[in-house]
N, C-alpha and C. Protein backbone atom coordinates (compact mmCIF):
# COMPACT_ATOMS: atom_id res chain seq x y z
N UNK A 1 -0.96 0.47 -51.83
CA UNK A 1 -0.32 1.26 -52.90
C UNK A 1 -0.25 0.28 -54.20
N UNK A 2 -0.59 0.86 -55.31
CA UNK A 2 -0.50 0.10 -56.59
C UNK A 2 0.97 -0.15 -57.00
N UNK A 3 1.22 -1.29 -57.60
CA UNK A 3 2.64 -1.66 -57.97
C UNK A 3 3.13 -0.84 -59.18
N UNK A 4 2.24 -0.19 -59.94
CA UNK A 4 2.67 0.53 -61.20
C UNK A 4 2.25 1.91 -61.08
N UNK A 5 3.22 2.87 -61.11
CA UNK A 5 2.86 4.27 -60.94
C UNK A 5 3.48 4.94 -62.06
N UNK A 6 2.73 5.69 -62.86
CA UNK A 6 3.17 6.52 -63.97
C UNK A 6 4.08 7.59 -63.50
N UNK A 7 5.32 7.63 -63.98
CA UNK A 7 6.32 8.65 -63.67
C UNK A 7 5.93 10.05 -64.15
N UNK A 8 5.07 10.09 -65.16
CA UNK A 8 4.68 11.41 -65.75
C UNK A 8 3.57 12.06 -65.11
N UNK A 9 2.50 11.26 -64.80
CA UNK A 9 1.33 11.90 -64.19
C UNK A 9 0.91 11.51 -62.87
N UNK A 10 1.54 10.35 -62.41
CA UNK A 10 1.31 9.86 -61.02
C UNK A 10 0.20 8.91 -60.94
N UNK A 11 -0.64 8.61 -62.04
CA UNK A 11 -1.65 7.62 -62.08
C UNK A 11 -1.13 6.28 -61.47
N UNK A 12 -1.96 5.48 -60.79
CA UNK A 12 -1.51 4.21 -60.27
C UNK A 12 -2.35 3.11 -60.89
N UNK A 13 -1.68 1.92 -61.10
CA UNK A 13 -2.29 0.80 -61.76
C UNK A 13 -2.00 -0.49 -61.04
N UNK A 14 -2.87 -1.31 -60.92
CA UNK A 14 -2.73 -2.58 -60.40
C UNK A 14 -2.07 -3.60 -61.31
N UNK A 15 -2.49 -3.53 -62.56
CA UNK A 15 -1.98 -4.42 -63.61
C UNK A 15 -0.96 -3.72 -64.52
N UNK A 16 0.10 -4.45 -64.81
CA UNK A 16 1.15 -3.94 -65.77
C UNK A 16 0.57 -3.62 -67.10
N UNK A 17 -0.36 -4.52 -67.58
CA UNK A 17 -0.92 -4.21 -68.92
C UNK A 17 -1.74 -2.97 -68.99
N UNK A 18 -2.33 -2.57 -67.96
CA UNK A 18 -3.23 -1.36 -67.93
C UNK A 18 -2.19 -0.15 -67.83
N UNK A 19 -1.13 -0.38 -67.02
CA UNK A 19 -0.08 0.72 -66.90
C UNK A 19 0.58 0.93 -68.24
N UNK A 20 0.87 -0.12 -69.00
CA UNK A 20 1.51 0.08 -70.37
C UNK A 20 0.52 0.70 -71.41
N UNK A 21 -0.75 0.27 -71.38
CA UNK A 21 -1.78 0.86 -72.17
C UNK A 21 -1.92 2.34 -71.83
N UNK A 22 -1.80 2.73 -70.56
CA UNK A 22 -1.92 4.14 -70.26
C UNK A 22 -0.70 4.92 -70.78
N UNK A 23 0.39 4.30 -70.70
CA UNK A 23 1.61 5.05 -71.29
C UNK A 23 1.48 5.21 -72.82
N UNK A 24 0.98 4.26 -73.51
CA UNK A 24 0.80 4.42 -74.94
C UNK A 24 -0.25 5.29 -75.38
N UNK A 25 -1.40 5.45 -74.57
CA UNK A 25 -2.51 6.29 -74.96
C UNK A 25 -2.41 7.69 -74.33
N UNK A 26 -1.90 7.72 -73.16
CA UNK A 26 -1.83 9.12 -72.40
C UNK A 26 -0.57 9.88 -72.67
N UNK A 27 0.58 9.08 -72.94
CA UNK A 27 1.78 9.73 -72.97
C UNK A 27 2.56 9.01 -74.13
N UNK A 28 2.08 9.04 -75.35
CA UNK A 28 2.88 8.42 -76.44
C UNK A 28 4.19 9.04 -76.62
N UNK A 29 5.12 8.17 -77.08
CA UNK A 29 6.46 8.73 -77.37
C UNK A 29 6.26 9.45 -78.78
N UNK A 30 7.02 10.64 -78.78
CA UNK A 30 6.88 11.41 -80.12
C UNK A 30 7.90 10.75 -81.07
N UNK A 31 7.50 10.67 -82.32
CA UNK A 31 8.42 10.35 -83.48
C UNK A 31 9.51 11.25 -83.64
N UNK A 32 10.71 10.74 -83.99
CA UNK A 32 11.85 11.51 -84.24
C UNK A 32 11.59 12.33 -85.47
N UNK A 33 11.97 13.68 -85.41
CA UNK A 33 11.77 14.55 -86.55
C UNK A 33 13.08 14.95 -87.16
N UNK A 34 13.01 15.54 -88.24
CA UNK A 34 14.42 16.07 -88.89
C UNK A 34 14.96 17.11 -87.89
N UNK A 35 14.18 17.91 -87.22
CA UNK A 35 14.66 18.73 -86.21
C UNK A 35 15.55 18.06 -85.14
N UNK A 36 14.98 17.00 -84.69
CA UNK A 36 15.70 16.20 -83.65
C UNK A 36 16.99 15.68 -84.11
N UNK A 37 17.02 15.27 -85.44
CA UNK A 37 18.28 14.80 -85.90
C UNK A 37 19.28 15.94 -86.06
N UNK A 38 18.76 17.11 -86.53
CA UNK A 38 19.65 18.34 -86.60
C UNK A 38 20.26 18.58 -85.28
N UNK A 39 19.43 18.59 -84.19
CA UNK A 39 19.83 18.96 -82.83
C UNK A 39 20.85 17.92 -82.31
N UNK A 40 20.70 16.67 -82.71
CA UNK A 40 21.64 15.66 -82.27
C UNK A 40 23.04 15.73 -83.05
N UNK A 41 22.95 16.38 -84.23
CA UNK A 41 24.08 16.44 -85.05
C UNK A 41 24.94 17.72 -84.84
N UNK A 42 24.36 18.66 -83.96
CA UNK A 42 25.08 19.88 -83.65
C UNK A 42 26.41 19.60 -83.05
N UNK A 43 27.37 20.27 -83.67
CA UNK A 43 28.79 20.25 -83.32
C UNK A 43 29.46 19.05 -84.02
N UNK A 44 28.80 18.32 -84.80
CA UNK A 44 29.47 17.12 -85.44
C UNK A 44 30.13 17.75 -86.68
N UNK A 45 31.34 17.33 -86.97
CA UNK A 45 32.09 17.80 -88.21
C UNK A 45 31.96 16.85 -89.28
N UNK A 46 31.63 17.32 -90.49
CA UNK A 46 31.41 16.55 -91.73
C UNK A 46 32.62 16.66 -92.61
N UNK A 47 32.83 15.87 -93.63
CA UNK A 47 31.97 14.70 -93.99
C UNK A 47 32.28 13.51 -92.95
N UNK A 48 31.33 12.68 -92.86
CA UNK A 48 31.41 11.48 -91.97
C UNK A 48 30.72 10.33 -92.62
N UNK A 49 31.29 9.11 -92.42
CA UNK A 49 30.59 7.81 -92.80
C UNK A 49 29.39 7.68 -91.88
N UNK A 50 28.51 6.80 -92.18
CA UNK A 50 27.36 6.59 -91.42
C UNK A 50 27.71 6.04 -89.99
N UNK A 51 28.63 5.05 -89.91
CA UNK A 51 28.95 4.59 -88.60
C UNK A 51 29.70 5.55 -87.74
N UNK A 52 30.63 6.34 -88.33
CA UNK A 52 31.23 7.39 -87.51
C UNK A 52 30.23 8.41 -87.01
N UNK A 53 29.28 8.67 -87.90
CA UNK A 53 28.26 9.69 -87.60
C UNK A 53 27.42 9.15 -86.42
N UNK A 54 27.05 7.92 -86.45
CA UNK A 54 26.32 7.22 -85.33
C UNK A 54 27.02 7.41 -84.05
N UNK A 55 28.39 7.15 -84.11
CA UNK A 55 29.22 7.14 -82.88
C UNK A 55 29.42 8.55 -82.34
N UNK A 56 29.26 9.61 -83.23
CA UNK A 56 29.46 11.03 -82.79
C UNK A 56 28.24 11.45 -82.03
N UNK A 57 27.17 10.72 -82.18
CA UNK A 57 25.83 11.31 -81.52
C UNK A 57 25.84 10.73 -80.06
N UNK A 58 25.62 11.70 -79.14
CA UNK A 58 25.74 11.32 -77.70
C UNK A 58 24.60 10.45 -77.22
N UNK A 59 24.72 9.83 -76.11
CA UNK A 59 23.73 8.88 -75.63
C UNK A 59 22.39 9.59 -75.23
N UNK A 60 22.36 10.95 -75.14
CA UNK A 60 21.08 11.61 -74.91
C UNK A 60 20.21 11.50 -76.04
N UNK A 61 20.63 11.09 -77.19
CA UNK A 61 19.92 10.96 -78.39
C UNK A 61 19.75 9.61 -78.93
N UNK A 62 19.44 8.74 -78.15
CA UNK A 62 19.41 7.28 -78.43
C UNK A 62 18.51 6.90 -79.67
N UNK A 63 17.37 7.53 -79.80
CA UNK A 63 16.54 7.34 -80.87
C UNK A 63 17.10 7.79 -82.16
N UNK A 64 17.70 8.91 -82.19
CA UNK A 64 18.43 9.41 -83.45
C UNK A 64 19.46 8.46 -83.77
N UNK A 65 20.32 7.95 -82.80
CA UNK A 65 21.40 7.05 -83.17
C UNK A 65 20.76 5.75 -83.71
N UNK A 66 19.61 5.32 -83.26
CA UNK A 66 19.06 4.13 -83.87
C UNK A 66 18.57 4.35 -85.30
N UNK A 67 18.12 5.52 -85.52
CA UNK A 67 17.68 5.88 -86.97
C UNK A 67 18.90 6.02 -87.82
N UNK A 68 19.89 6.72 -87.42
CA UNK A 68 21.22 6.83 -88.15
C UNK A 68 21.73 5.45 -88.51
N UNK A 69 21.59 4.45 -87.72
CA UNK A 69 22.10 3.02 -87.99
C UNK A 69 21.33 2.52 -89.10
N UNK A 70 20.10 3.02 -89.48
CA UNK A 70 19.29 2.42 -90.48
C UNK A 70 19.58 3.15 -91.76
N UNK A 71 20.34 4.23 -91.85
CA UNK A 71 20.52 5.04 -92.97
C UNK A 71 21.51 4.22 -93.93
N UNK A 72 21.47 4.58 -95.22
CA UNK A 72 22.48 3.93 -96.07
C UNK A 72 23.80 4.14 -95.69
N UNK A 73 24.66 3.05 -95.77
CA UNK A 73 26.11 3.15 -95.37
C UNK A 73 26.88 3.98 -96.51
N UNK A 74 27.13 5.23 -96.20
CA UNK A 74 27.77 6.17 -97.22
C UNK A 74 28.33 7.28 -96.44
N UNK A 75 29.10 8.14 -97.12
CA UNK A 75 29.62 9.33 -96.51
C UNK A 75 28.60 10.44 -96.65
N UNK A 76 28.42 11.13 -95.57
CA UNK A 76 27.34 12.25 -95.61
C UNK A 76 28.22 13.55 -95.52
N UNK A 77 27.94 14.38 -96.41
CA UNK A 77 28.72 15.74 -96.57
C UNK A 77 28.23 16.70 -95.46
N UNK A 78 26.99 16.79 -95.01
CA UNK A 78 26.50 17.66 -94.04
C UNK A 78 25.16 17.19 -93.45
N UNK A 79 24.59 17.91 -92.51
CA UNK A 79 23.42 17.53 -91.83
C UNK A 79 22.27 17.46 -92.89
N UNK A 80 22.27 18.23 -93.91
CA UNK A 80 21.15 18.25 -94.87
C UNK A 80 21.12 16.97 -95.63
N UNK A 81 22.33 16.30 -95.96
CA UNK A 81 22.37 15.02 -96.61
C UNK A 81 21.75 14.02 -95.65
N UNK A 82 22.06 14.07 -94.33
CA UNK A 82 21.53 13.15 -93.43
C UNK A 82 19.97 13.20 -93.29
N UNK A 83 19.50 14.54 -93.24
CA UNK A 83 18.04 14.80 -93.30
C UNK A 83 17.39 14.25 -94.55
N UNK A 84 17.92 14.35 -95.60
CA UNK A 84 17.44 13.82 -96.84
C UNK A 84 17.35 12.32 -96.77
N UNK A 85 18.38 11.68 -96.40
CA UNK A 85 18.42 10.23 -96.18
C UNK A 85 17.24 9.78 -95.18
N UNK A 86 17.10 10.57 -94.07
CA UNK A 86 16.15 10.30 -93.09
C UNK A 86 14.67 10.33 -93.77
N UNK A 87 14.58 11.36 -94.57
CA UNK A 87 13.20 11.55 -95.31
C UNK A 87 12.93 10.42 -96.20
N UNK A 88 13.96 9.90 -96.99
CA UNK A 88 13.78 8.71 -97.77
C UNK A 88 13.51 7.44 -96.95
N UNK A 89 14.15 7.36 -95.84
CA UNK A 89 13.87 6.26 -94.98
C UNK A 89 12.46 6.18 -94.47
N UNK A 90 12.09 7.43 -94.08
CA UNK A 90 10.77 7.48 -93.54
C UNK A 90 9.63 7.38 -94.55
N UNK A 91 9.81 7.78 -95.82
CA UNK A 91 8.77 7.73 -96.87
C UNK A 91 8.96 6.52 -97.60
N UNK A 92 10.07 5.74 -97.56
CA UNK A 92 10.25 4.47 -98.24
C UNK A 92 10.36 4.77 -99.66
N UNK A 93 10.72 5.96 -100.06
CA UNK A 93 10.93 6.36 -101.52
C UNK A 93 12.28 6.91 -101.70
N UNK A 94 12.96 6.51 -102.78
CA UNK A 94 14.27 7.06 -103.13
C UNK A 94 14.08 8.26 -103.97
N UNK A 95 14.62 9.43 -103.53
CA UNK A 95 14.51 10.60 -104.33
C UNK A 95 15.60 10.68 -105.45
N UNK A 96 15.33 11.30 -106.51
CA UNK A 96 16.29 11.38 -107.58
C UNK A 96 17.55 12.16 -107.10
N UNK A 97 18.76 11.68 -107.55
CA UNK A 97 19.94 12.32 -107.08
C UNK A 97 20.12 13.75 -107.72
N UNK A 98 19.51 13.93 -108.72
CA UNK A 98 19.64 15.23 -109.56
C UNK A 98 18.57 16.16 -109.25
N UNK A 99 18.03 16.09 -108.04
CA UNK A 99 16.94 17.00 -107.52
C UNK A 99 17.49 18.20 -106.96
N UNK A 100 17.65 19.35 -107.77
CA UNK A 100 18.15 20.57 -107.17
C UNK A 100 17.20 21.26 -106.33
N UNK A 101 17.65 22.09 -105.40
CA UNK A 101 16.67 22.88 -104.67
C UNK A 101 16.13 23.93 -105.48
N UNK A 102 15.04 24.57 -105.09
CA UNK A 102 14.31 25.56 -105.93
C UNK A 102 15.19 26.81 -106.00
N UNK A 103 15.98 27.14 -105.02
CA UNK A 103 16.68 28.33 -105.07
C UNK A 103 18.14 28.11 -105.39
N UNK A 104 18.70 26.94 -105.17
CA UNK A 104 20.19 26.71 -105.50
C UNK A 104 20.39 26.29 -106.90
N UNK A 105 19.45 25.62 -107.56
CA UNK A 105 19.62 25.17 -108.89
C UNK A 105 20.68 23.99 -108.98
N UNK A 106 20.92 23.62 -110.18
CA UNK A 106 21.83 22.47 -110.34
C UNK A 106 23.29 22.82 -109.93
N UNK A 107 23.79 24.06 -109.99
CA UNK A 107 25.14 24.32 -109.49
C UNK A 107 25.27 23.95 -108.07
N UNK A 108 24.11 24.22 -107.22
CA UNK A 108 24.11 23.91 -105.83
C UNK A 108 24.41 22.39 -105.59
N UNK A 109 23.88 21.61 -106.39
CA UNK A 109 24.10 20.11 -106.28
C UNK A 109 25.54 19.68 -106.40
N UNK A 110 26.31 20.47 -107.16
CA UNK A 110 27.83 20.11 -107.24
C UNK A 110 28.63 20.94 -106.35
N UNK A 111 28.21 22.00 -105.86
CA UNK A 111 29.02 22.80 -104.96
C UNK A 111 29.21 22.27 -103.59
N UNK A 112 30.31 22.55 -102.94
CA UNK A 112 30.40 22.13 -101.57
C UNK A 112 29.36 22.89 -100.73
N UNK A 113 28.97 22.25 -99.73
CA UNK A 113 27.95 22.83 -98.71
C UNK A 113 28.57 24.02 -98.10
N UNK A 114 27.92 25.18 -97.88
CA UNK A 114 28.38 26.30 -97.23
C UNK A 114 28.56 26.03 -95.74
N UNK A 115 27.61 25.34 -95.17
CA UNK A 115 27.81 24.96 -93.77
C UNK A 115 29.03 24.07 -93.60
N UNK A 116 29.23 23.13 -94.49
CA UNK A 116 30.42 22.25 -94.38
C UNK A 116 31.69 23.14 -94.44
N UNK A 117 31.66 24.00 -95.44
CA UNK A 117 32.77 24.87 -95.69
C UNK A 117 33.16 25.72 -94.48
N UNK A 118 32.16 26.24 -93.94
CA UNK A 118 32.36 27.11 -92.68
C UNK A 118 32.93 26.31 -91.60
N UNK A 119 32.41 25.09 -91.41
CA UNK A 119 32.98 24.21 -90.33
C UNK A 119 34.37 23.91 -90.50
N UNK A 120 34.98 23.89 -91.72
CA UNK A 120 36.37 23.65 -91.90
C UNK A 120 37.25 24.70 -91.39
N UNK A 121 36.60 25.96 -91.23
CA UNK A 121 37.48 27.00 -90.82
C UNK A 121 37.34 27.42 -89.32
N UNK A 122 36.66 26.49 -88.60
CA UNK A 122 36.47 26.73 -87.16
C UNK A 122 37.78 26.83 -86.52
N UNK A 123 37.95 27.88 -85.73
CA UNK A 123 39.24 28.16 -85.04
C UNK A 123 40.24 28.89 -85.89
N UNK A 124 39.92 29.22 -87.15
CA UNK A 124 40.82 29.98 -87.93
C UNK A 124 41.03 31.43 -87.57
N UNK A 125 42.32 31.80 -87.54
CA UNK A 125 42.76 33.18 -87.07
C UNK A 125 42.86 34.01 -88.39
N UNK A 126 42.05 34.98 -88.41
CA UNK A 126 42.15 36.10 -89.44
C UNK A 126 42.89 37.28 -89.05
N UNK A 127 43.38 38.02 -89.96
CA UNK A 127 43.44 37.89 -91.42
C UNK A 127 44.21 36.76 -91.84
N UNK A 128 43.91 36.18 -93.15
CA UNK A 128 44.58 35.03 -93.59
C UNK A 128 44.70 35.16 -95.12
N UNK A 129 45.73 34.58 -95.69
CA UNK A 129 45.89 34.49 -97.18
C UNK A 129 45.20 33.15 -97.60
N UNK A 130 45.05 32.96 -98.84
CA UNK A 130 44.50 31.75 -99.46
C UNK A 130 45.39 30.51 -98.98
N UNK A 131 46.69 30.76 -99.05
CA UNK A 131 47.57 29.61 -98.64
C UNK A 131 47.34 29.22 -97.16
N UNK A 132 47.20 30.17 -96.28
CA UNK A 132 47.00 30.02 -94.85
C UNK A 132 45.57 29.26 -94.66
N UNK A 133 44.62 29.65 -95.53
CA UNK A 133 43.36 28.95 -95.45
C UNK A 133 43.53 27.47 -95.85
N UNK A 134 44.16 27.28 -96.94
CA UNK A 134 44.45 25.87 -97.28
C UNK A 134 45.17 25.11 -96.22
N UNK A 135 46.31 25.71 -95.69
CA UNK A 135 46.90 24.97 -94.55
C UNK A 135 46.06 24.57 -93.37
N UNK A 136 45.15 25.57 -93.08
CA UNK A 136 44.21 25.26 -91.99
C UNK A 136 43.29 24.05 -92.16
N UNK A 137 42.92 23.89 -93.33
CA UNK A 137 41.92 22.78 -93.62
C UNK A 137 42.56 21.57 -94.17
N UNK A 138 43.78 21.54 -94.43
CA UNK A 138 44.43 20.43 -94.94
C UNK A 138 44.34 19.27 -93.97
N UNK A 139 43.96 18.09 -94.45
CA UNK A 139 43.83 16.93 -93.45
C UNK A 139 42.33 16.65 -93.05
N UNK A 140 41.52 17.59 -93.19
CA UNK A 140 40.16 17.40 -92.84
C UNK A 140 39.25 17.74 -94.03
N UNK A 141 39.78 18.41 -95.09
CA UNK A 141 38.98 18.76 -96.22
C UNK A 141 38.97 17.71 -97.26
N UNK A 142 37.76 17.54 -97.99
CA UNK A 142 37.73 16.57 -99.00
C UNK A 142 38.43 17.12 -100.32
N UNK A 143 38.69 16.37 -101.26
CA UNK A 143 39.28 16.82 -102.50
C UNK A 143 38.50 17.89 -103.19
N UNK A 144 37.09 17.77 -103.05
CA UNK A 144 36.32 18.82 -103.71
C UNK A 144 36.41 20.19 -103.03
N UNK A 145 36.57 20.04 -101.66
CA UNK A 145 36.74 21.19 -100.81
C UNK A 145 38.07 21.97 -101.18
N UNK A 146 39.13 21.17 -101.36
CA UNK A 146 40.46 21.69 -101.71
C UNK A 146 40.45 22.32 -102.99
N UNK A 147 39.76 21.67 -104.05
CA UNK A 147 39.54 22.30 -105.34
C UNK A 147 38.89 23.64 -105.32
N UNK A 148 37.91 23.63 -104.54
CA UNK A 148 37.04 24.91 -104.43
C UNK A 148 38.03 26.03 -103.74
N UNK A 149 38.72 25.57 -102.75
CA UNK A 149 39.59 26.52 -102.14
C UNK A 149 40.72 27.05 -103.07
N UNK A 150 41.18 26.14 -103.89
CA UNK A 150 42.32 26.51 -104.84
C UNK A 150 41.76 27.52 -105.89
N UNK A 151 40.45 27.72 -106.04
CA UNK A 151 39.91 28.70 -107.06
C UNK A 151 39.64 30.08 -106.36
N UNK A 152 39.87 30.10 -105.06
CA UNK A 152 39.71 31.40 -104.29
C UNK A 152 40.86 32.39 -104.89
N UNK A 153 40.51 33.60 -104.82
CA UNK A 153 41.45 34.68 -105.32
C UNK A 153 42.61 34.77 -104.27
N UNK A 154 43.76 35.22 -104.88
CA UNK A 154 45.09 35.50 -104.07
C UNK A 154 44.83 36.84 -103.38
N UNK A 155 44.31 36.85 -102.26
CA UNK A 155 44.12 38.00 -101.43
C UNK A 155 44.02 37.79 -99.96
N UNK A 156 43.94 38.71 -99.19
CA UNK A 156 43.84 38.61 -97.75
C UNK A 156 42.38 38.48 -97.36
N UNK A 157 41.98 37.55 -96.57
CA UNK A 157 40.60 37.39 -96.08
C UNK A 157 40.67 37.75 -94.60
N UNK A 158 39.85 38.77 -94.23
CA UNK A 158 39.87 39.42 -92.95
C UNK A 158 38.80 38.68 -91.99
N UNK A 159 37.96 37.93 -92.41
CA UNK A 159 36.90 37.27 -91.58
C UNK A 159 36.26 36.12 -92.27
N UNK A 160 35.49 35.35 -91.57
CA UNK A 160 34.80 34.25 -92.21
C UNK A 160 33.73 34.83 -93.23
N UNK A 161 33.29 36.04 -93.00
CA UNK A 161 32.40 36.70 -93.95
C UNK A 161 33.11 36.80 -95.32
N UNK A 162 34.36 37.16 -95.35
CA UNK A 162 35.03 37.27 -96.57
C UNK A 162 35.23 35.98 -97.23
N UNK A 163 35.42 34.86 -96.52
CA UNK A 163 35.47 33.51 -97.09
C UNK A 163 34.14 33.18 -97.67
N UNK A 164 33.02 33.37 -96.99
CA UNK A 164 31.79 33.07 -97.49
C UNK A 164 31.45 33.92 -98.74
N UNK A 165 31.88 35.09 -98.80
CA UNK A 165 31.63 35.96 -99.95
C UNK A 165 32.41 35.42 -101.16
N UNK A 166 33.64 34.97 -100.92
CA UNK A 166 34.41 34.39 -101.96
C UNK A 166 33.88 33.10 -102.44
N UNK A 167 33.31 32.25 -101.51
CA UNK A 167 32.71 31.04 -101.91
C UNK A 167 31.47 31.24 -102.87
N UNK A 168 30.69 32.22 -102.43
CA UNK A 168 29.58 32.64 -103.22
C UNK A 168 29.85 33.17 -104.63
N UNK A 169 31.04 33.81 -104.71
CA UNK A 169 31.52 34.40 -105.93
C UNK A 169 31.94 33.25 -106.92
N UNK A 170 32.60 32.23 -106.43
CA UNK A 170 33.05 31.13 -107.40
C UNK A 170 32.04 30.20 -107.69
N UNK A 171 30.87 30.08 -107.00
CA UNK A 171 29.88 29.16 -107.17
C UNK A 171 29.21 29.56 -108.41
């Protein structure tokens, strides 16, 4: 029996160098993609500093943790900002900060992330007033989030859909 057996296909090798060459050519490791990063960040609440973000990624995603460690040390508002930093890291190019999306325009660059905003209201009981919404997010919301919420209308919000509609109205 050969001392080196491929766990993936069962091929056997007498020499370690041939076994390692087989692994690299027949079963190469896939590069981490933006989708892998998004999957690893599922359930992570934002905003988060880079190191806290790395610590929030479980051990099943070791490669993603390694990549997050290489990202710039800053606060990330949402998974989209992490993906953008990953793209810059991968391409070795710094993208301009004022690069709005084609659909969102420049206002989207200043507005709070809708996904981030939705995560703030996780566990919120509806119906709720604006004051109840503010009380729910206090302590976890950024100053920009609180300013956005302060511009909400004084009314009753019956669901997260009402909150999202109001966010779209004030943007």
